[in-house]
Amino acid sequence: MAKDEIKNDTSKLTFEQAIKELTGIVGKIEQGEIALGDSLQQYEKGMSLIKHCRKILQDAEKRIEKIAEEGKGQQ
């Protein structure tokens, strides 16, 4: 799977879906259930999932800050 395919695949996931998939990947790698080549591919996908989750969290934080600022103006 190419990097662009991984990015497109992960960018459509919700935060919860991404965390669930990431947890599965980590479990498989830790337990040695997959070959080295597949481990590297799964590691790459895991990193993409982490970036995706961080972006979702950053966007949520910005939204909360905006809501908080709007709330201060209404007092």
PDB file of N, CA and C in Angstrom:
ATOM      1  N   MET A   1       0.855  -1.181   0.000  1.00  0.00           N
ATOM      2  CA  MET A   1       0.000   0.000   0.000  1.00  0.00           C
ATOM      3  C   MET A   1       0.896   1.237   0.000  1.00  0.00           C
ATOM      4  N   ALA A   2       0.693   2.156  -0.936  1.00  0.00           N
ATOM      5  CA  ALA A   2       1.493   3.363  -1.050  1.00  0.00           C
ATOM      6  C   ALA A   2       1.125   4.352   0.043  1.00  0.00           C
ATOM      7  N   LYS A   3       2.029   5.292   0.321  1.00  0.00           N
ATOM      8  CA  LYS A   3       1.789   6.288   1.371  1.00  0.00           C
ATOM      9  C   LYS A   3       0.514   7.071   1.132  1.00  0.00           C
ATOM     10  N   ASP A   4       0.266   7.471  -0.107  1.00  0.00           N
ATOM     11  CA  ASP A   4      -0.948   8.241  -0.420  1.00  0.00           C
ATOM     12  C   ASP A   4      -2.199   7.420  -0.156  1.00  0.00           C
ATOM     13  N   GLU A   5      -2.130   6.123  -0.463  1.00  0.00           N
ATOM     14  CA  GLU A   5      -3.282   5.243  -0.205  1.00  0.00           C
ATOM     15  C   GLU A   5      -3.541   5.135   1.291  1.00  0.00           C
ATOM     16  N   ILE A   6      -2.470   5.016   2.070  1.00  0.00           N
ATOM     17  CA  ILE A   6      -2.618   4.928   3.518  1.00  0.00           C
ATOM     18  C   ILE A   6      -3.228   6.209   4.059  1.00  0.00           C
ATOM     19  N   LYS A   7      -2.714   7.353   3.590  1.00  0.00           N
ATOM     20  CA  LYS A   7      -3.212   8.645   4.063  1.00  0.00           C
ATOM     21  C   LYS A   7      -4.691   8.811   3.723  1.00  0.00           C
ATOM     22  N   ASN A   8      -5.067   8.486   2.498  1.00  0.00           N
ATOM     23  CA  ASN A   8      -6.467   8.601   2.091  1.00  0.00           C
ATOM     24  C   ASN A   8      -7.342   7.648   2.883  1.00  0.00           C
ATOM     25  N   ASP A   9      -6.832   6.459   3.146  1.00  0.00           N
ATOM     26  CA  ASP A   9      -7.576   5.458   3.890  1.00  0.00           C
ATOM     27  C   ASP A   9      -7.828   5.933   5.324  1.00  0.00           C
ATOM     28  N   THR A  10      -6.819   6.492   5.965  1.00  0.00           N
ATOM     29  CA  THR A  10      -6.954   6.906   7.358  1.00  0.00           C
ATOM     30  C   THR A  10      -7.689   8.227   7.509  1.00  0.00           C
ATOM     31  N   SER A  11      -7.622   9.088   6.516  1.00  0.00           N
ATOM     32  CA  SER A  11      -8.221  10.423   6.649  1.00  0.00           C
ATOM     33  C   SER A  11      -9.745  10.375   6.733  1.00  0.00           C
ATOM     34  N   LYS A  12     -10.339   9.273   6.362  1.00  0.00           N
ATOM     35  CA  LYS A  12     -11.797   9.156   6.391  1.00  0.00           C
ATOM     36  C   LYS A  12     -12.316   8.566   7.704  1.00  0.00           C
ATOM     37  N   LEU A  13     -11.399   8.129   8.561  1.00  0.00           N
ATOM     38  CA  LEU A  13     -11.797   7.482   9.806  1.00  0.00           C
ATOM     39  C   LEU A  13     -12.143   8.504  10.888  1.00  0.00           C
ATOM     40  N   THR A  14     -13.064   8.118  11.758  1.00  0.00           N
ATOM     41  CA  THR A  14     -13.318   8.928  12.943  1.00  0.00           C
ATOM     42  C   THR A  14     -12.172   8.692  13.915  1.00  0.00           C
ATOM     43  N   PHE A  15     -12.093   9.511  14.950  1.00  0.00           N
ATOM     44  CA  PHE A  15     -11.063   9.346  15.956  1.00  0.00           C
ATOM     45  C   PHE A  15     -11.151   7.957  16.584  1.00  0.00           C
ATOM     46  N   GLU A  16     -12.354   7.559  16.929  1.00  0.00           N
ATOM     47  CA  GLU A  16     -12.552   6.267  17.577  1.00  0.00           C
ATOM     48  C   GLU A  16     -12.161   5.104  16.678  1.00  0.00           C
ATOM     49  N   GLN A  17     -12.496   5.203  15.399  1.00  0.00           N
ATOM     50  CA  GLN A  17     -12.136   4.151  14.452  1.00  0.00           C
ATOM     51  C   GLN A  17     -10.618   4.062  14.294  1.00  0.00           C
ATOM     52  N   ALA A  18      -9.974   5.223  14.220  1.00  0.00           N
ATOM     53  CA  ALA A  18      -8.524   5.257  14.058  1.00  0.00           C
ATOM     54  C   ALA A  18      -7.823   4.660  15.273  1.00  0.00           C
ATOM     55  N   ILE A  19      -8.292   4.999  16.474  1.00  0.00           N
ATOM     56  CA  ILE A  19      -7.693   4.455  17.697  1.00  0.00           C
ATOM     57  C   ILE A  19      -7.869   2.935  17.744  1.00  0.00           C
ATOM     58  N   LYS A  20      -9.052   2.464  17.375  1.00  0.00           N
ATOM     59  CA  LYS A  20      -9.311   1.019  17.379  1.00  0.00           C
ATOM     60  C   LYS A  20      -8.373   0.309  16.405  1.00  0.00           C
ATOM     61  N   GLU A  21      -8.212   0.875  15.224  1.00  0.00           N
ATOM     62  CA  GLU A  21      -7.328   0.267  14.220  1.00  0.00           C
ATOM     63  C   GLU A  21      -5.874   0.312  14.686  1.00  0.00           C
ATOM     64  N   LEU A  22      -5.479   1.423  15.281  1.00  0.00           N
ATOM     65  CA  LEU A  22      -4.119   1.563  15.791  1.00  0.00           C
ATOM     66  C   LEU A  22      -3.842   0.545  16.891  1.00  0.00           C
ATOM     67  N   THR A  23      -4.789   0.353  17.778  1.00  0.00           N
ATOM     68  CA  THR A  23      -4.652  -0.632  18.850  1.00  0.00           C
ATOM     69  C   THR A  23      -4.471  -2.039  18.280  1.00  0.00           C
ATOM     70  N   GLY A  24      -5.219  -2.354  17.240  1.00  0.00           N
ATOM     71  CA  GLY A  24      -5.086  -3.658  16.590  1.00  0.00           C
ATOM     72  C   GLY A  24      -3.713  -3.855  15.972  1.00  0.00           C
ATOM     73  N   ILE A  25      -3.215  -2.811  15.326  1.00  0.00           N
ATOM     74  CA  ILE A  25      -1.892  -2.882  14.692  1.00  0.00           C
ATOM     75  C   ILE A  25      -0.817  -3.110  15.754  1.00  0.00           C
ATOM     76  N   VAL A  26      -0.882  -2.331  16.827  1.00  0.00           N
ATOM     77  CA  VAL A  26       0.116  -2.456  17.894  1.00  0.00           C
ATOM     78  C   VAL A  26       0.090  -3.869  18.474  1.00  0.00           C
ATOM     79  N   GLY A  27      -1.105  -4.394  18.702  1.00  0.00           N
ATOM     80  CA  GLY A  27      -1.224  -5.747  19.240  1.00  0.00           C
ATOM     81  C   GLY A  27      -0.597  -6.791  18.347  1.00  0.00           C
ATOM     82  N   LYS A  28      -0.855  -6.690  17.059  1.00  0.00           N
ATOM     83  CA  LYS A  28      -0.292  -7.660  16.111  1.00  0.00           C
ATOM     84  C   LYS A  28       1.235  -7.592  16.074  1.00  0.00           C
ATOM     85  N   ILE A  29       1.762  -6.363  16.065  1.00  0.00           N
ATOM     86  CA  ILE A  29       3.215  -6.205  16.005  1.00  0.00           C
ATOM     87  C   ILE A  29       3.855  -6.721  17.292  1.00  0.00           C
ATOM     88  N   GLU A  30       3.278  -6.351  18.433  1.00  0.00           N
ATOM     89  CA  GLU A  30       3.843  -6.780  19.716  1.00  0.00           C
ATOM     90  C   GLU A  30       3.833  -8.295  19.878  1.00  0.00           C
ATOM     91  N   GLN A  31       2.812  -8.940  19.388  1.00  0.00           N
ATOM     92  CA  GLN A  31       2.688 -10.382  19.538  1.00  0.00           C
ATOM     93  C   GLN A  31       3.452 -11.152  18.458  1.00  0.00           C
ATOM     94  N   GLY A  32       4.022 -10.429  17.511  1.00  0.00           N
ATOM     95  CA  GLY A  32       4.789 -11.074  16.457  1.00  0.00           C
ATOM     96  C   GLY A  32       3.926 -11.894  15.517  1.00  0.00           C
ATOM     97  N   GLU A  33       2.674 -11.477  15.339  1.00  0.00           N
ATOM     98  CA  GLU A  33       1.735 -12.228  14.502  1.00  0.00           C
ATOM     99  C   GLU A  33       1.959 -12.017  13.014  1.00  0.00           C
ATOM    100  N   ILE A  34       2.772 -11.041  12.651  1.00  0.00           N
ATOM    101  CA  ILE A  34       2.962 -10.748  11.229  1.00  0.00           C
ATOM    102  C   ILE A  34       4.446 -10.718  10.884  1.00  0.00           C
ATOM    103  N   ALA A  35       4.736 -10.965   9.624  1.00  0.00           N
ATOM    104  CA  ALA A  35       6.111 -10.989   9.130  1.00  0.00           C
ATOM    105  C   ALA A  35       6.725  -9.584   9.185  1.00  0.00           C
ATOM    106  N   LEU A  36       8.044  -9.540   9.124  1.00  0.00           N
ATOM    107  CA  LEU A  36       8.768  -8.279   9.227  1.00  0.00           C
ATOM    108  C   LEU A  36       8.306  -7.263   8.179  1.00  0.00           C
ATOM    109  N   GLY A  37       8.204  -7.688   6.928  1.00  0.00           N
ATOM    110  CA  GLY A  37       7.763  -6.776   5.867  1.00  0.00           C
ATOM    111  C   GLY A  37       6.386  -6.210   6.142  1.00  0.00           C
ATOM    112  N   ASP A  38       5.501  -7.076   6.584  1.00  0.00           N
ATOM    113  CA  ASP A  38       4.151  -6.623   6.921  1.00  0.00           C
ATOM    114  C   ASP A  38       4.174  -5.724   8.156  1.00  0.00           C
ATOM    115  N   SER A  39       5.073  -6.031   9.093  1.00  0.00           N
ATOM    116  CA  SER A  39       5.206  -5.193  10.291  1.00  0.00           C
ATOM    117  C   SER A  39       5.577  -3.770   9.911  1.00  0.00           C
ATOM    118  N   LEU A  40       6.508  -3.653   8.982  1.00  0.00           N
ATOM    119  CA  LEU A  40       6.927  -2.316   8.546  1.00  0.00           C
ATOM    120  C   LEU A  40       5.771  -1.569   7.885  1.00  0.00           C
ATOM    121  N   GLN A  41       5.018  -2.280   7.079  1.00  0.00           N
ATOM    122  CA  GLN A  41       3.865  -1.658   6.426  1.00  0.00           C
ATOM    123  C   GLN A  41       2.825  -1.247   7.469  1.00  0.00           C
ATOM    124  N   GLN A  42       2.585  -2.097   8.440  1.00  0.00           N
ATOM    125  CA  GLN A  42       1.623  -1.787   9.495  1.00  0.00           C
ATOM    126  C   GLN A  42       2.130  -0.646  10.370  1.00  0.00           C
ATOM    127  N   TYR A  43       3.430  -0.604  10.614  1.00  0.00           N
ATOM    128  CA  TYR A  43       4.025   0.491  11.377  1.00  0.00           C
ATOM    129  C   TYR A  43       3.788   1.821  10.661  1.00  0.00           C
ATOM    130  N   GLU A  44       3.999   1.811   9.352  1.00  0.00           N
ATOM    131  CA  GLU A  44       3.772   3.016   8.548  1.00  0.00           C
ATOM    132  C   GLU A  44       2.302   3.446   8.637  1.00  0.00           C
ATOM    133  N   LYS A  45       1.404   2.496   8.553  1.00  0.00           N
ATOM    134  CA  LYS A  45      -0.015   2.814   8.666  1.00  0.00           C
ATOM    135  C   LYS A  45      -0.321   3.340  10.066  1.00  0.00           C
ATOM    136  N   GLY A  46       0.299   2.745  11.069  1.00  0.00           N
ATOM    137  CA  GLY A  46       0.107   3.211  12.438  1.00  0.00           C
ATOM    138  C   GLY A  46       0.540   4.658  12.613  1.00  0.00           C
ATOM    139  N   MET A  47       1.657   5.010  12.022  1.00  0.00           N
ATOM    140  CA  MET A  47       2.132   6.390  12.105  1.00  0.00           C
ATOM    141  C   MET A  47       1.153   7.345  11.427  1.00  0.00           C
ATOM    142  N   SER A  48       0.583   6.911  10.321  1.00  0.00           N
ATOM    143  CA  SER A  48      -0.420   7.714   9.638  1.00  0.00           C
ATOM    144  C   SER A  48      -1.658   7.893  10.518  1.00  0.00           C
ATOM    145  N   LEU A  49      -2.048   6.832  11.202  1.00  0.00           N
ATOM    146  CA  LEU A  49      -3.193   6.909  12.109  1.00  0.00           C
ATOM    147  C   LEU A  49      -2.919   7.869  13.261  1.00  0.00           C
ATOM    148  N   ILE A  50      -1.706   7.829  13.794  1.00  0.00           N
ATOM    149  CA  ILE A  50      -1.336   8.736  14.881  1.00  0.00           C
ATOM    150  C   ILE A  50      -1.424  10.184  14.412  1.00  0.00           C
ATOM    151  N   LYS A  51      -0.897  10.469  13.238  1.00  0.00           N
ATOM    152  CA  LYS A  51      -0.963  11.838  12.695  1.00  0.00           C
ATOM    153  C   LYS A  51      -2.416  12.274  12.517  1.00  0.00           C
ATOM    154  N   HIS A  52      -3.232  11.361  12.037  1.00  0.00           N
ATOM    155  CA  HIS A  52      -4.648  11.656  11.822  1.00  0.00           C
ATOM    156  C   HIS A  52      -5.337  11.964  13.157  1.00  0.00           C
ATOM    157  N   CYS A  53      -5.061  11.161  14.172  1.00  0.00           N
ATOM    158  CA  CYS A  53      -5.661  11.380  15.493  1.00  0.00           C
ATOM    159  C   CYS A  53      -5.206  12.713  16.096  1.00  0.00           C
ATOM    160  N   ARG A  54      -3.935  13.021  15.948  1.00  0.00           N
ATOM    161  CA  ARG A  54      -3.424  14.308  16.454  1.00  0.00           C
ATOM    162  C   ARG A  54      -4.121  15.478  15.779  1.00  0.00           C
ATOM    163  N   LYS A  55      -4.350  15.365  14.483  1.00  0.00           N
ATOM    164  CA  LYS A  55      -5.037  16.440  13.752  1.00  0.00           C
ATOM    165  C   LYS A  55      -6.464  16.601  14.262  1.00  0.00           C
ATOM    166  N   ILE A  56      -7.154  15.500  14.461  1.00  0.00           N
ATOM    167  CA  ILE A  56      -8.521  15.569  14.979  1.00  0.00           C
ATOM    168  C   ILE A  56      -8.533  16.245  16.342  1.00  0.00           C
ATOM    169  N   LEU A  57      -7.590  15.867  17.212  1.00  0.00           N
ATOM    170  CA  LEU A  57      -7.525  16.454  18.553  1.00  0.00           C
ATOM    171  C   LEU A  57      -7.180  17.943  18.498  1.00  0.00           C
ATOM    172  N   GLN A  58      -6.271  18.326  17.616  1.00  0.00           N
ATOM    173  CA  GLN A  58      -5.915  19.741  17.464  1.00  0.00           C
ATOM    174  C   GLN A  58      -7.113  20.550  16.970  1.00  0.00           C
ATOM    175  N   ASP A  59      -7.849  20.001  16.018  1.00  0.00           N
ATOM    176  CA  ASP A  59      -9.036  20.683  15.509  1.00  0.00           C
ATOM    177  C   ASP A  59     -10.094  20.834  16.595  1.00  0.00           C
ATOM    178  N   ALA A  60     -10.247  19.797  17.413  1.00  0.00           N
ATOM    179  CA  ALA A  60     -11.216  19.858  18.510  1.00  0.00           C
ATOM    180  C   ALA A  60     -10.795  20.912  19.534  1.00  0.00           C
ATOM    181  N   GLU A  61      -9.517  20.981  19.821  1.00  0.00           N
ATOM    182  CA  GLU A  61      -9.009  21.970  20.771  1.00  0.00           C
ATOM    183  C   GLU A  61      -9.258  23.392  20.264  1.00  0.00           C
ATOM    184  N   LYS A  62      -9.005  23.619  18.983  1.00  0.00           N
ATOM    185  CA  LYS A  62      -9.248  24.937  18.388  1.00  0.00           C
ATOM    186  C   LYS A  62     -10.727  25.296  18.469  1.00  0.00           C
ATOM    187  N   ARG A  63     -11.570  24.319  18.226  1.00  0.00           N
ATOM    188  CA  ARG A  63     -13.021  24.554  18.275  1.00  0.00           C
ATOM    189  C   ARG A  63     -13.458  24.898  19.704  1.00  0.00           C
ATOM    190  N   ILE A  64     -12.924  24.190  20.680  1.00  0.00           N
ATOM    191  CA  ILE A  64     -13.247  24.463  22.083  1.00  0.00           C
ATOM    192  C   ILE A  64     -12.787  25.869  22.464  1.00  0.00           C
ATOM    193  N   GLU A  65     -11.582  26.241  22.052  1.00  0.00           N
ATOM    194  CA  GLU A  65     -11.073  27.576  22.340  1.00  0.00           C
ATOM    195  C   GLU A  65     -11.970  28.641  21.725  1.00  0.00           C
ATOM    196  N   LYS A  66     -12.422  28.415  20.505  1.00  0.00           N
ATOM    197  CA  LYS A  66     -13.298  29.367  19.833  1.00  0.00           C
ATOM    198  C   LYS A  66     -14.634  29.493  20.575  1.00  0.00           C
ATOM    199  N   ILE A  67     -15.181  28.361  20.991  1.00  0.00           N
ATOM    200  CA  ILE A  67     -16.448  28.376  21.724  1.00  0.00           C
ATOM    201  C   ILE A  67     -16.271  29.109  23.052  1.00  0.00           C
ATOM    202  N   ALA A  68     -15.153  28.857  23.731  1.00  0.00           N
ATOM    203  CA  ALA A  68     -14.877  29.519  25.008  1.00  0.00           C
ATOM    204  C   ALA A  68     -14.751  31.017  24.820  1.00  0.00           C
ATOM    205  N   GLU A  69     -14.081  31.455  23.769  1.00  0.00           N
ATOM    206  CA  GLU A  69     -13.943  32.887  23.501  1.00  0.00           C
ATOM    207  C   GLU A  69     -15.292  33.527  23.188  1.00  0.00           C
ATOM    208  N   GLU A  70     -16.105  32.837  22.416  1.00  0.00           N
ATOM    209  CA  GLU A  70     -17.440  33.349  22.104  1.00  0.00           C
ATOM    210  C   GLU A  70     -18.284  33.451  23.373  1.00  0.00           C
ATOM    211  N   GLY A  71     -18.113  32.498  24.276  1.00  0.00           N
ATOM    212  CA  GLY A  71     -18.848  32.507  25.534  1.00  0.00           C
ATOM    213  C   GLY A  71     -18.445  33.672  26.426  1.00  0.00           C
ATOM    214  N   LYS A  72     -17.189  34.069  26.389  1.00  0.00           N
ATOM    215  CA  LYS A  72     -16.716  35.209  27.184  1.00  0.00           C
ATOM    216  C   LYS A  72     -17.365  36.500  26.697  1.00  0.00           C
ATOM    217  N   GLY A  73     -17.575  36.592  25.415  1.00  0.00           N
ATOM    218  CA  GLY A  73     -18.185  37.790  24.836  1.00  0.00           C
ATOM    219  C   GLY A  73     -19.645  37.942  25.183  1.00  0.00           C
ATOM    220  N   GLN A  74     -20.307  36.871  25.564  1.00  0.00           N
ATOM    221  CA  GLN A  74     -21.733  36.895  25.872  1.00  0.00           C
ATOM    222  C   GLN A  74     -22.005  37.192  27.331  1.00  0.00           C
ATOM    223  N   GLN A  75     -20.972  37.278  28.145  1.00  0.00           N
ATOM    224  CA  GLN A  75     -21.178  37.503  29.581  1.00  0.00           C
ATOM    225  C   GLN A  75     -21.408  38.953  29.900  1.00  0.00           C
TER     226      GLN A  75
END
